[in-house]
Amino acid sequence: MQKLTDQIDAIRRTNGTAHMAGASGQCRSRDTESGTSAVGRMLDAIHDLAPAVLASAAEIEAERRMPSDLIEKLRSIGVYRMFAPRSRGGFELDLLSGMEVISALARLDGSVGWTAMIGSASAIVSPRLPRQTYDLMYRDKSDVIISGVYSPAGTAERVPGGWRVNGRWPFASGCQDADWMMGLCVMSEGGKALCGPAGDAGRPLVRCVALPASAWQIEDTWHASGLRGTGSHHIVLENALAPEANFFDFPEGATCEPGPLYQSWRHLQSVLLGAVCVGIAEGALWDLAELVHNGRQQLQAPAPMRESEMAQGELGRIEADVRAARAAMQVQADSHWRHAVADTLNGQALYAQGIQTGIWTATICACAAQACFTLAGGAAVYESSPLQRRLRDLQAAAQHAMVQQRHYAEAGRSLLQRVGTNTESGQAAMCAGKATAGRPRGHADATATTSSRSARSNHETADPLASVLNV
C-alpha cells in the first residue's frame, strides 16, 4: 500500500501540478483561488484513497463495475461535480485541472479513472438540455452522475405528447451508478426519418434523449478484455414516451450555461480520454520501475534488472514516451482551453487537431504499457500483476471510436487545406512584388517600406509555420 502512495507522490512532484504555473494559467476560468483549492483538496483526497482503490482492484475486475462505497467516496471528495457549473453548486474547473484529477485516478486504476471521466465530464454535455429539464436534473444535487452513449443506436417516433423512443445503446460506462442516461436517436415521423440540417441530400435528423436512470433497462453485456470495471453494458429503451423537453441537439446544440467549458463538447472529448490514457501509462511505468528496483533477476540473467544497462535503457525510453504523451496532451488541452475562453473553440480544423492528438496519445500510451509488460517478463502474466491489467485497459481505451487510427485522415486533409491556402497566398504576394518592379523608384521605395513594415508586423504576430501547422 505504501508503495502506491509513494508512486502518487512521485508522479505528482514530477508532473502533477506543473501545468498550473504554465501559460494556460493566464486564461483560466476560476473564482479567485476556489478552483485551485478544490483541485488540491481532491488530489490530496485521492492520495488518501489510494490504498482502498488498490485493495479493490480484484473486486472491480471481478464484479465488472465500481464498488458502491468507492462511488460514494468519489462523490464526497467532489469528483462528480468538478465540471458541473458553479451556478449548480459545482466547481466548474478549467480543463487542465479537471484532467489532472482524472489522470490521478487512472494512475490508481484504469476503470476508476475512466468512469470518473465519464461521470464527471457528462456535466459538460447536459447544459444543452432545455432549461426546464436541466433544472430538474440538478434540482437535488450538483454531483449528478450521467452515463451517455453518443452513437445513434435508437429511434424516436413523433407521437402526441412527445416522442416514442426505442433503442439499444452499447458501451454505457458507469450506467449502474448513473442518475440519468443519454442516447442519440434518429428522429422520425410517420415511420419516415426526418431530414437533418443538410436537407434531403444529407443525413437524417439525430438528437439526444436524456431520461432518469429508472426509465432505462441495463443488459448485462460487458464481458470485456480491458476496462472491465467500467460496467459499460448496453442500455435499452422500449416504447418509452419522452417529452420534447427531454431532447437536445448534439453535439452543436445551444447551451444554457455561459462558461467556456460548455461551448464545444466535441472538441474536448478526445483530450479528456487522453487524460485517462496518460494516467494508466504513468501507473504502468511506475509498476515496472518498482519491479526492477526491488531486485528482480530474470532467468539466466547475469545480474538483477536494476543493474542491467539494457533494462535501465528501456526504462528510460519508456519514460520518454510517457512524458511525451503527457506533454502532447497538456499542450493540446491548453490550446483548446485558450480557444474556449476566447469563444473560438469551433470549426473542423481544431476538432481534427484534437482528434489527432488523442489518437497519438492513446497509441503511445498503449505501446508504453506493452513495453512495460514485455520488460517485466513472466512476472507480468499473472492476474496479481497490475501490469497485465494496465495493458488490457489501455488496449481497450485505444479502441474507442474517438481515437481510431482512421481519424488521422481528417487531420491530414486539414493540413493539406492549410498548405494550399498558404501556397496561394504566397503566390499572390510574389505577383504583387513583380508588379512593382516597373514603377517609378520613389513609388517602389514607398511600397517596399510598407511591405517591410507589414512583414515585420506579421513576423511579430504569427509564425508562418505555425499557421500551417495550426498551433
Protein backbone atom coordinates (compact mmCIF):
# COMPACT_ATOMS: atom_id res chain seq x y z
CA MET A 1 0.00 0.00 0.00
CA GLN A 2 2.82 2.38 0.89
CA LYS A 3 4.42 1.77 -2.50
CA LEU A 4 1.34 3.02 -4.28
CA THR A 5 1.23 6.09 -2.06
CA ASP A 6 4.89 6.73 -2.91
CA GLN A 7 4.02 6.34 -6.58
CA ILE A 8 1.37 9.04 -6.41
CA ASP A 9 3.68 11.38 -4.54
CA ALA A 10 6.48 10.95 -7.06
CA ILE A 11 4.33 11.40 -10.14
CA ARG A 12 2.64 14.47 -8.67
CA ARG A 13 6.02 16.01 -7.90
CA THR A 14 7.17 15.35 -11.47
CA ASN A 15 4.05 16.09 -13.47
CA GLY A 16 1.01 16.66 -11.35
CA THR A 17 0.55 20.37 -10.90
CA ALA A 18 3.27 21.76 -13.12
CA HIS A 19 0.73 22.93 -15.66
CA MET A 20 -0.91 25.21 -13.10
CA ALA A 21 2.00 27.63 -13.35
CA GLY A 22 2.13 27.48 -17.16
CA ALA A 23 0.86 29.85 -19.79
CA SER A 24 -2.62 28.44 -19.52
CA GLY A 25 -2.98 29.95 -16.06
CA GLN A 26 -3.50 33.41 -17.50
CA CYS A 27 -6.81 32.48 -19.13
CA ARG A 28 -8.38 30.05 -16.70
CA SER A 29 -11.96 30.46 -15.61
CA ARG A 30 -11.82 30.35 -11.83
CA ASP A 31 -13.37 32.15 -8.90
CA THR A 32 -10.12 33.56 -7.48
CA GLU A 33 -8.48 30.55 -5.78
CA SER A 34 -11.58 28.37 -5.46
CA GLY A 35 -10.64 26.18 -8.42
CA THR A 36 -7.05 25.77 -7.25
CA SER A 37 -8.06 24.82 -3.72
CA ALA A 38 -10.70 22.40 -4.97
CA VAL A 39 -8.15 20.62 -7.15
CA GLY A 40 -5.64 20.46 -4.31
CA ARG A 41 -8.23 19.01 -1.94
CA MET A 42 -9.29 16.41 -4.47
CA LEU A 43 -5.72 15.33 -5.24
CA ASP A 44 -4.98 15.05 -1.52
CA ALA A 45 -8.14 13.00 -1.02
CA ILE A 46 -7.19 10.72 -3.93
CA HIS A 47 -3.79 10.27 -2.31
CA ASP A 48 -5.51 9.15 0.89
CA LEU A 49 -7.89 6.94 -1.06
CA ALA A 50 -5.10 5.10 -2.91
CA PRO A 51 -4.77 2.09 -0.53
CA ALA A 52 -8.53 1.43 -0.71
CA VAL A 53 -8.54 1.59 -4.52
CA LEU A 54 -5.57 -0.78 -4.73
CA ALA A 55 -7.26 -3.19 -2.36
CA SER A 56 -10.41 -3.09 -4.54
CA ALA A 57 -8.65 -3.81 -7.85
CA ALA A 58 -9.53 -7.51 -7.94
CA GLU A 59 -13.12 -6.81 -6.87
CA ILE A 60 -13.53 -4.14 -9.52
CA GLU A 61 -12.43 -6.56 -12.24
CA ALA A 62 -14.46 -9.49 -10.95
CA GLU A 63 -17.67 -7.53 -10.44
CA ARG A 64 -17.19 -5.55 -13.68
CA ARG A 65 -18.30 -2.33 -12.02
CA MET A 66 -17.30 0.24 -9.42
CA PRO A 67 -17.97 -0.73 -5.78
CA SER A 68 -20.80 1.40 -4.40
CA ASP A 69 -18.70 2.57 -1.45
CA LEU A 70 -16.00 3.80 -3.84
CA ILE A 71 -18.58 5.73 -5.85
CA GLU A 72 -19.74 7.43 -2.66
CA LYS A 73 -16.17 8.29 -1.67
CA LEU A 74 -15.59 9.86 -5.08
CA ARG A 75 -18.83 11.78 -4.66
CA SER A 76 -17.77 13.01 -1.24
CA ILE A 77 -14.45 14.42 -2.49
CA GLY A 78 -16.17 16.25 -5.36
CA VAL A 79 -15.11 14.22 -8.41
CA TYR A 80 -18.60 14.16 -9.93
CA ARG A 81 -19.13 17.89 -9.64
CA MET A 82 -15.73 19.13 -10.78
CA PHE A 83 -17.09 20.06 -14.23
CA ALA A 84 -20.59 20.99 -13.04
CA PRO A 85 -21.37 24.73 -13.26
CA ARG A 86 -20.86 26.91 -10.23
CA SER A 87 -24.46 28.00 -10.70
CA ARG A 88 -25.43 24.41 -9.82
CA GLY A 89 -23.05 24.00 -6.90
CA GLY A 90 -20.23 22.53 -8.95
CA PHE A 91 -16.56 23.56 -9.14
CA GLU A 92 -16.58 24.36 -12.88
CA LEU A 93 -12.88 23.58 -13.07
CA ASP A 94 -10.81 24.63 -16.02
CA LEU A 95 -9.99 21.84 -18.46
CA LEU A 96 -6.43 21.04 -17.40
CA SER A 97 -7.22 20.94 -13.69
CA GLY A 98 -10.08 18.51 -14.24
CA MET A 99 -7.88 16.38 -16.46
CA GLU A 100 -5.25 16.17 -13.72
CA VAL A 101 -7.83 14.75 -11.31
CA ILE A 102 -8.87 12.20 -13.96
CA SER A 103 -5.24 11.19 -14.59
CA ALA A 104 -4.59 10.83 -10.85
CA LEU A 105 -7.47 8.35 -10.56
CA ALA A 106 -6.40 6.49 -13.70
CA ARG A 107 -2.91 6.02 -12.24
CA LEU A 108 -4.53 4.03 -9.45
CA ASP A 109 -6.86 2.01 -11.68
CA GLY A 110 -7.88 2.44 -15.31
CA SER A 111 -11.54 1.64 -14.72
CA VAL A 112 -11.74 4.10 -11.84
CA GLY A 113 -10.26 6.85 -13.99
CA TRP A 114 -12.49 6.02 -16.95
CA THR A 115 -15.76 6.01 -15.03
CA ALA A 116 -14.78 9.20 -13.21
CA MET A 117 -14.11 10.85 -16.57
CA ILE A 118 -17.48 9.72 -17.99
CA GLY A 119 -19.48 10.55 -14.88
CA SER A 120 -17.97 14.00 -14.38
CA ALA A 121 -17.48 15.17 -17.96
CA SER A 122 -21.11 14.50 -18.87
CA ALA A 123 -21.81 17.72 -16.97
CA ILE A 124 -20.21 19.45 -19.96
CA VAL A 125 -22.91 17.98 -22.24
CA SER A 126 -26.01 18.33 -20.07
CA PRO A 127 -26.37 22.16 -20.38
CA ARG A 128 -27.60 21.56 -23.93
CA LEU A 129 -30.87 20.33 -22.48
CA PRO A 130 -33.85 22.70 -22.42
CA ARG A 131 -33.74 24.80 -19.27
CA GLN A 132 -36.71 23.12 -17.57
CA THR A 133 -35.20 19.63 -17.88
CA TYR A 134 -31.75 20.87 -16.96
CA ASP A 135 -33.19 22.45 -13.82
CA LEU A 136 -34.89 19.17 -12.96
CA MET A 137 -31.67 17.21 -13.46
CA TYR A 138 -29.77 19.39 -10.98
CA ARG A 139 -32.64 20.16 -8.65
CA ASP A 140 -31.50 17.97 -5.76
CA LYS A 141 -27.70 17.78 -6.10
CA SER A 142 -24.74 19.06 -8.05
CA ASP A 143 -22.86 15.75 -8.32
CA VAL A 144 -25.24 14.18 -10.83
CA ILE A 145 -23.73 11.09 -12.50
CA ILE A 146 -24.69 10.81 -16.16
CA SER A 147 -23.99 7.85 -18.45
CA GLY A 148 -24.19 8.77 -22.10
CA VAL A 149 -23.79 6.93 -25.40
CA TYR A 150 -23.24 9.28 -28.30
CA SER A 151 -23.93 6.93 -31.19
CA PRO A 152 -27.34 6.92 -32.96
CA ALA A 153 -28.46 3.50 -31.80
CA GLY A 154 -32.07 4.49 -31.11
CA THR A 155 -35.13 5.85 -32.89
CA ALA A 156 -37.62 8.46 -31.75
CA GLU A 157 -41.02 8.49 -33.48
CA ARG A 158 -43.19 11.57 -33.09
CA VAL A 159 -46.42 10.84 -31.19
CA PRO A 160 -48.95 13.00 -29.35
CA GLY A 161 -47.24 14.40 -26.25
CA GLY A 162 -43.67 13.85 -27.43
CA TRP A 163 -41.66 11.01 -28.91
CA ARG A 164 -41.77 7.24 -28.59
CA VAL A 165 -38.21 6.01 -28.14
CA ASN A 166 -36.78 2.58 -28.85
CA GLY A 167 -33.16 1.62 -28.91
CA ARG A 168 -30.25 -0.40 -27.58
CA TRP A 169 -27.07 1.55 -26.94
CA PRO A 170 -23.68 -0.14 -26.29
CA PHE A 171 -20.74 0.99 -24.12
CA ALA A 172 -22.76 2.84 -21.46
CA SER A 173 -19.87 3.21 -19.00
CA GLY A 174 -20.95 3.65 -15.39
CA CYS A 175 -24.62 3.03 -16.18
CA GLN A 176 -25.24 1.04 -12.99
CA ASP A 177 -24.39 4.06 -10.85
CA ALA A 178 -25.91 6.76 -13.07
CA ASP A 179 -28.66 9.16 -12.04
CA TRP A 180 -29.51 9.99 -15.65
CA MET A 181 -28.69 8.39 -19.01
CA MET A 182 -28.48 9.72 -22.55
CA GLY A 183 -28.51 8.23 -26.04
CA LEU A 184 -28.66 9.50 -29.60
CA CYS A 185 -31.77 8.83 -31.68
CA VAL A 186 -32.70 9.09 -35.33
CA MET A 187 -35.85 11.22 -35.31
CA SER A 188 -38.83 10.13 -37.41
CA GLU A 189 -42.45 10.91 -38.10
CA GLY A 190 -44.96 8.59 -39.72
CA GLY A 191 -42.28 5.95 -39.93
CA LYS A 192 -40.02 8.15 -42.07
CA ALA A 193 -36.77 9.64 -40.85
CA LEU A 194 -36.80 13.43 -40.56
CA CYS A 195 -34.27 15.38 -42.58
CA GLY A 196 -31.21 16.77 -40.84
CA PRO A 197 -29.74 20.27 -41.28
CA ALA A 198 -28.44 19.42 -44.77
CA GLY A 199 -31.91 18.55 -46.06
CA ASP A 200 -32.89 15.61 -48.26
CA ALA A 201 -29.35 15.14 -49.53
CA GLY A 202 -27.83 14.86 -46.06
CA ARG A 203 -28.08 12.64 -43.04
CA PRO A 204 -31.32 12.21 -41.09
CA LEU A 205 -32.01 14.31 -38.04
CA VAL A 206 -30.26 12.93 -34.95
CA ARG A 207 -30.92 14.27 -31.45
CA CYS A 208 -30.04 13.14 -27.94
CA VAL A 209 -32.62 11.95 -25.41
CA ALA A 210 -31.98 12.27 -21.66
CA LEU A 211 -34.09 10.42 -19.10
CA PRO A 212 -33.72 9.43 -15.45
CA ALA A 213 -31.89 6.15 -14.97
CA SER A 214 -35.08 4.47 -13.76
CA ALA A 215 -36.53 4.74 -17.29
CA TRP A 216 -33.79 2.57 -18.81
CA GLN A 217 -33.05 -1.14 -18.79
CA ILE A 218 -29.50 -2.41 -18.44
CA GLU A 219 -28.43 -5.53 -20.34
CA ASP A 220 -25.51 -7.35 -18.77
CA THR A 221 -23.19 -7.45 -21.79
CA TRP A 222 -19.89 -6.05 -20.51
CA HIS A 223 -17.63 -9.10 -20.66
CA ALA A 224 -14.54 -7.35 -21.98
CA SER A 225 -10.79 -7.77 -22.13
CA GLY A 226 -9.95 -4.40 -20.64
CA LEU A 227 -11.53 -1.62 -18.56
CA ARG A 228 -13.57 -4.42 -17.06
CA GLY A 229 -14.63 -2.40 -14.04
CA THR A 230 -16.38 0.30 -16.08
CA GLY A 231 -19.67 -1.62 -16.35
CA SER A 232 -20.05 -0.47 -19.96
CA HIS A 233 -23.18 -2.52 -20.59
CA HIS A 234 -25.91 -1.98 -23.18
CA ILE A 235 -28.75 0.30 -22.11
CA VAL A 236 -32.23 -0.10 -23.56
CA LEU A 237 -35.44 1.88 -24.03
CA GLU A 238 -38.58 0.08 -25.19
CA ASN A 239 -41.54 2.21 -26.27
CA ALA A 240 -40.55 4.91 -23.80
CA LEU A 241 -42.55 8.13 -24.09
CA ALA A 242 -40.18 11.09 -23.85
CA PRO A 243 -41.39 14.71 -23.87
CA GLU A 244 -39.84 17.18 -26.31
CA ALA A 245 -38.16 18.86 -23.33
CA ASN A 246 -36.00 15.77 -22.83
CA PHE A 247 -34.31 16.08 -26.23
CA PHE A 248 -31.48 18.31 -27.36
CA ASP A 249 -29.32 18.84 -30.43
CA PHE A 250 -25.96 17.11 -30.22
CA PRO A 251 -23.15 17.96 -30.39
CA GLU A 252 -23.71 21.52 -31.57
CA GLY A 253 -26.85 22.40 -29.64
CA ALA A 254 -27.17 25.69 -27.80
CA THR A 255 -26.13 25.64 -24.16
CA CYS A 256 -27.94 27.23 -21.23
CA GLU A 257 -24.67 27.72 -19.29
CA PRO A 258 -22.34 30.58 -20.31
CA GLY A 259 -18.91 29.27 -19.23
CA PRO A 260 -16.16 28.33 -21.72
CA LEU A 261 -16.32 24.73 -20.55
CA TYR A 262 -19.77 24.21 -22.04
CA GLN A 263 -19.39 25.61 -25.54
CA SER A 264 -17.95 22.72 -27.56
CA TRP A 265 -18.09 19.18 -26.15
CA ARG A 266 -16.98 17.52 -29.38
CA HIS A 267 -13.61 19.28 -29.22
CA LEU A 268 -12.97 18.28 -25.60
CA GLN A 269 -13.84 14.60 -25.67
CA SER A 270 -10.56 13.34 -27.14
CA VAL A 271 -8.33 15.24 -24.68
CA LEU A 272 -10.38 14.00 -21.72
CA LEU A 273 -9.91 10.45 -22.98
CA GLY A 274 -6.19 11.23 -23.29
CA ALA A 275 -6.07 12.13 -19.60
CA VAL A 276 -7.17 8.60 -18.75
CA CYS A 277 -4.63 7.03 -21.10
CA VAL A 278 -1.73 9.06 -19.73
CA GLY A 279 -2.69 8.23 -16.15
CA ILE A 280 -2.79 4.49 -16.86
CA ALA A 281 0.56 4.64 -18.68
CA GLU A 282 2.19 6.52 -15.81
CA GLY A 283 0.91 3.86 -13.42
CA ALA A 284 2.32 1.09 -15.60
CA LEU A 285 5.71 2.79 -15.78
CA TRP A 286 5.88 3.11 -12.02
CA ASP A 287 4.80 -0.51 -11.50
CA LEU A 288 7.64 -1.62 -13.77
CA ALA A 289 10.19 0.68 -12.13
CA GLU A 290 9.29 -0.75 -8.71
CA LEU A 291 9.64 -4.30 -10.02
CA VAL A 292 13.09 -3.53 -11.43
CA HIS A 293 14.22 -1.54 -8.39
CA ASN A 294 13.22 -4.28 -5.96
CA GLY A 295 15.91 -6.59 -7.31
CA ARG A 296 14.09 -8.86 -9.76
CA GLN A 297 16.58 -11.06 -11.61
CA GLN A 298 15.30 -12.85 -14.69
CA LEU A 299 16.21 -16.42 -15.59
CA GLN A 300 19.81 -16.81 -16.80
CA ALA A 301 20.43 -13.07 -16.43
CA PRO A 302 23.92 -12.28 -15.06
CA ALA A 303 22.66 -9.54 -12.71
CA PRO A 304 19.47 -8.08 -11.24
CA MET A 305 17.45 -5.93 -13.62
CA ARG A 306 18.25 -2.76 -11.70
CA GLU A 307 21.94 -3.28 -12.54
CA SER A 308 21.29 -4.10 -16.20
CA GLU A 309 22.12 -1.32 -18.63
CA MET A 310 19.64 -2.82 -21.07
CA ALA A 311 16.80 -2.64 -18.52
CA GLN A 312 17.83 0.86 -17.48
CA GLY A 313 17.88 1.98 -21.09
CA GLU A 314 14.47 0.52 -21.81
CA LEU A 315 13.05 2.15 -18.69
CA GLY A 316 14.43 5.48 -19.85
CA ARG A 317 12.95 5.06 -23.32
CA ILE A 318 9.51 4.14 -21.96
CA GLU A 319 9.58 7.09 -19.59
CA ALA A 320 10.41 9.40 -22.50
CA ASP A 321 7.37 8.11 -24.39
CA VAL A 322 5.05 8.58 -21.41
CA ARG A 323 6.37 12.08 -20.72
CA ALA A 324 5.91 12.95 -24.40
CA ALA A 325 2.32 11.69 -24.26
CA ARG A 326 1.58 13.84 -21.22
CA ALA A 327 3.23 16.87 -22.82
CA ALA A 328 1.25 16.47 -26.03
CA MET A 329 -1.99 16.08 -24.11
CA GLN A 330 -1.31 19.16 -22.00
CA VAL A 331 -0.31 21.32 -24.96
CA GLN A 332 -3.47 20.33 -26.83
CA ALA A 333 -5.67 20.87 -23.79
CA ASP A 334 -4.03 24.25 -23.14
CA SER A 335 -4.67 25.28 -26.76
CA HIS A 336 -8.29 24.12 -26.63
CA TRP A 337 -8.84 25.94 -23.35
CA ARG A 338 -7.42 29.21 -24.68
CA HIS A 339 -9.79 28.93 -27.63
CA ALA A 340 -12.68 28.09 -25.30
CA VAL A 341 -12.03 31.16 -23.16
CA ALA A 342 -11.85 33.30 -26.31
CA ASP A 343 -15.07 31.66 -27.60
CA THR A 344 -13.24 30.36 -30.68
CA LEU A 345 -13.22 26.63 -29.91
CA ASN A 346 -15.10 25.70 -33.05
CA GLY A 347 -14.56 24.53 -36.60
CA GLN A 348 -13.33 21.32 -38.15
CA ALA A 349 -9.63 22.24 -38.10
CA LEU A 350 -9.42 22.46 -34.29
CA TYR A 351 -11.58 19.36 -33.97
CA ALA A 352 -9.27 17.41 -36.28
CA GLN A 353 -6.24 18.64 -34.34
CA GLY A 354 -7.70 17.42 -31.05
CA ILE A 355 -8.59 14.04 -32.52
CA GLN A 356 -5.09 13.75 -33.98
CA THR A 357 -3.52 14.37 -30.57
CA GLY A 358 -5.96 11.98 -28.90
CA ILE A 359 -5.13 9.16 -31.31
CA TRP A 360 -1.40 9.67 -30.92
CA THR A 361 -1.62 9.88 -27.12
CA ALA A 362 -3.70 6.71 -26.83
CA THR A 363 -1.38 4.84 -29.20
CA ILE A 364 1.83 5.91 -27.47
CA CYS A 365 0.40 5.06 -24.05
CA ALA A 366 -0.74 1.61 -25.20
CA CYS A 367 2.72 0.97 -26.69
CA ALA A 368 4.34 2.09 -23.43
CA ALA A 369 2.18 -0.33 -21.44
CA GLN A 370 3.11 -3.11 -23.86
CA ALA A 371 6.80 -2.29 -23.41
CA CYS A 372 6.39 -2.35 -19.61
CA PHE A 373 4.66 -5.72 -19.80
CA THR A 374 7.37 -7.14 -22.08
CA LEU A 375 10.30 -5.94 -19.97
CA ALA A 376 8.75 -7.38 -16.80
CA GLY A 377 8.90 -10.87 -18.29
CA GLY A 378 6.99 -13.81 -16.86
CA ALA A 379 6.08 -11.96 -13.66
CA ALA A 380 3.64 -9.78 -15.62
CA VAL A 381 1.42 -12.60 -16.90
CA TYR A 382 -0.19 -13.37 -13.53
CA GLU A 383 -3.53 -11.85 -12.64
CA SER A 384 -1.90 -10.49 -9.49
CA SER A 385 0.34 -8.25 -11.62
CA PRO A 386 -1.06 -4.76 -12.24
CA LEU A 387 0.97 -4.60 -15.46
CA GLN A 388 -1.28 -7.05 -17.32
CA ARG A 389 -4.37 -5.15 -16.20
CA ARG A 390 -2.96 -1.78 -17.23
CA LEU A 391 -2.00 -3.20 -20.64
CA ARG A 392 -5.51 -4.56 -21.20
CA ASP A 393 -7.07 -1.31 -20.02
CA LEU A 394 -5.01 0.78 -22.42
CA GLN A 395 -5.66 -1.56 -25.32
CA ALA A 396 -9.39 -1.21 -24.65
CA ALA A 397 -9.17 2.58 -24.32
CA ALA A 398 -7.30 2.84 -27.63
CA GLN A 399 -10.23 1.05 -29.33
CA HIS A 400 -12.59 3.92 -28.52
CA ALA A 401 -14.28 5.37 -31.60
CA MET A 402 -12.83 8.83 -30.90
CA VAL A 403 -9.22 7.63 -31.21
CA GLN A 404 -9.44 5.17 -34.07
CA GLN A 405 -6.49 5.38 -36.45
CA ARG A 406 -8.76 6.13 -39.40
CA HIS A 407 -9.44 9.60 -37.98
CA TYR A 408 -5.87 10.64 -38.78
CA ALA A 409 -7.21 11.21 -42.31
CA GLU A 410 -9.23 14.20 -41.11
CA ALA A 411 -6.09 15.86 -39.74
CA GLY A 412 -4.25 15.08 -42.97
CA ARG A 413 -6.97 16.73 -45.05
CA SER A 414 -6.91 19.76 -42.78
CA LEU A 415 -3.13 20.10 -43.16
CA LEU A 416 -3.33 19.91 -46.96
CA GLN A 417 -6.01 22.61 -46.98
CA ARG A 418 -3.84 24.91 -44.88
CA VAL A 419 -0.79 24.27 -47.07
CA GLY A 420 -2.86 25.03 -50.16
CA THR A 421 -4.13 28.26 -48.66
CA ASN A 422 -0.61 29.35 -47.69
CA THR A 423 0.73 28.45 -51.14
CA GLU A 424 -1.93 30.55 -52.84
CA SER A 425 -1.21 33.47 -50.51
CA GLY A 426 2.49 33.20 -51.23
CA GLN A 427 1.96 33.18 -54.97
CA ALA A 428 -0.28 36.25 -54.73
CA ALA A 429 2.41 38.07 -52.76
CA MET A 430 5.04 37.18 -55.39
CA CYS A 431 2.80 38.52 -58.17
CA ALA A 432 2.30 41.75 -56.25
CA GLY A 433 6.06 42.08 -55.88
CA LYS A 434 6.65 41.66 -59.61
CA ALA A 435 4.02 44.30 -60.37
CA THR A 436 6.06 46.95 -58.52
CA ALA A 437 9.22 46.25 -60.49
CA GLY A 438 8.41 48.68 -63.34
CA ARG A 439 7.10 51.54 -61.21
CA PRO A 440 9.00 54.80 -60.52
CA ARG A 441 11.70 54.41 -57.91
CA GLY A 442 10.06 56.62 -55.32
CA HIS A 443 6.82 54.71 -55.55
CA ALA A 444 8.67 51.40 -55.41
CA ASP A 445 10.62 52.54 -52.32
CA ALA A 446 7.42 53.54 -50.58
CA THR A 447 5.84 50.20 -51.47
CA ALA A 448 8.92 48.34 -50.24
CA THR A 449 8.90 50.28 -46.97
CA THR A 450 5.24 49.49 -46.44
CA SER A 451 5.83 45.83 -47.30
CA SER A 452 8.78 45.69 -44.92
CA ARG A 453 6.72 47.11 -42.09
CA SER A 454 3.93 44.69 -42.87
CA ALA A 455 6.35 41.76 -42.95
CA ARG A 456 7.85 42.78 -39.60
CA SER A 457 4.36 43.09 -38.12
CA ASN A 458 3.33 39.69 -39.44
CA HIS A 459 6.54 38.12 -38.17
CA GLU A 460 5.91 39.52 -34.72
CA THR A 461 2.32 38.27 -34.55
CA ALA A 462 2.31 35.00 -36.46
CA ASP A 463 4.81 32.27 -37.27
CA PRO A 464 4.17 31.18 -40.89
CA LEU A 465 4.95 27.57 -40.00
CA ALA A 466 2.59 27.78 -37.03
CA SER A 467 -0.18 28.98 -39.31
CA VAL A 468 0.29 25.88 -41.46
CA LEU A 469 0.54 23.50 -38.52
CA ASN A 470 -2.37 25.17 -36.72
CA VAL A 471 -0.63 25.63 -33.38
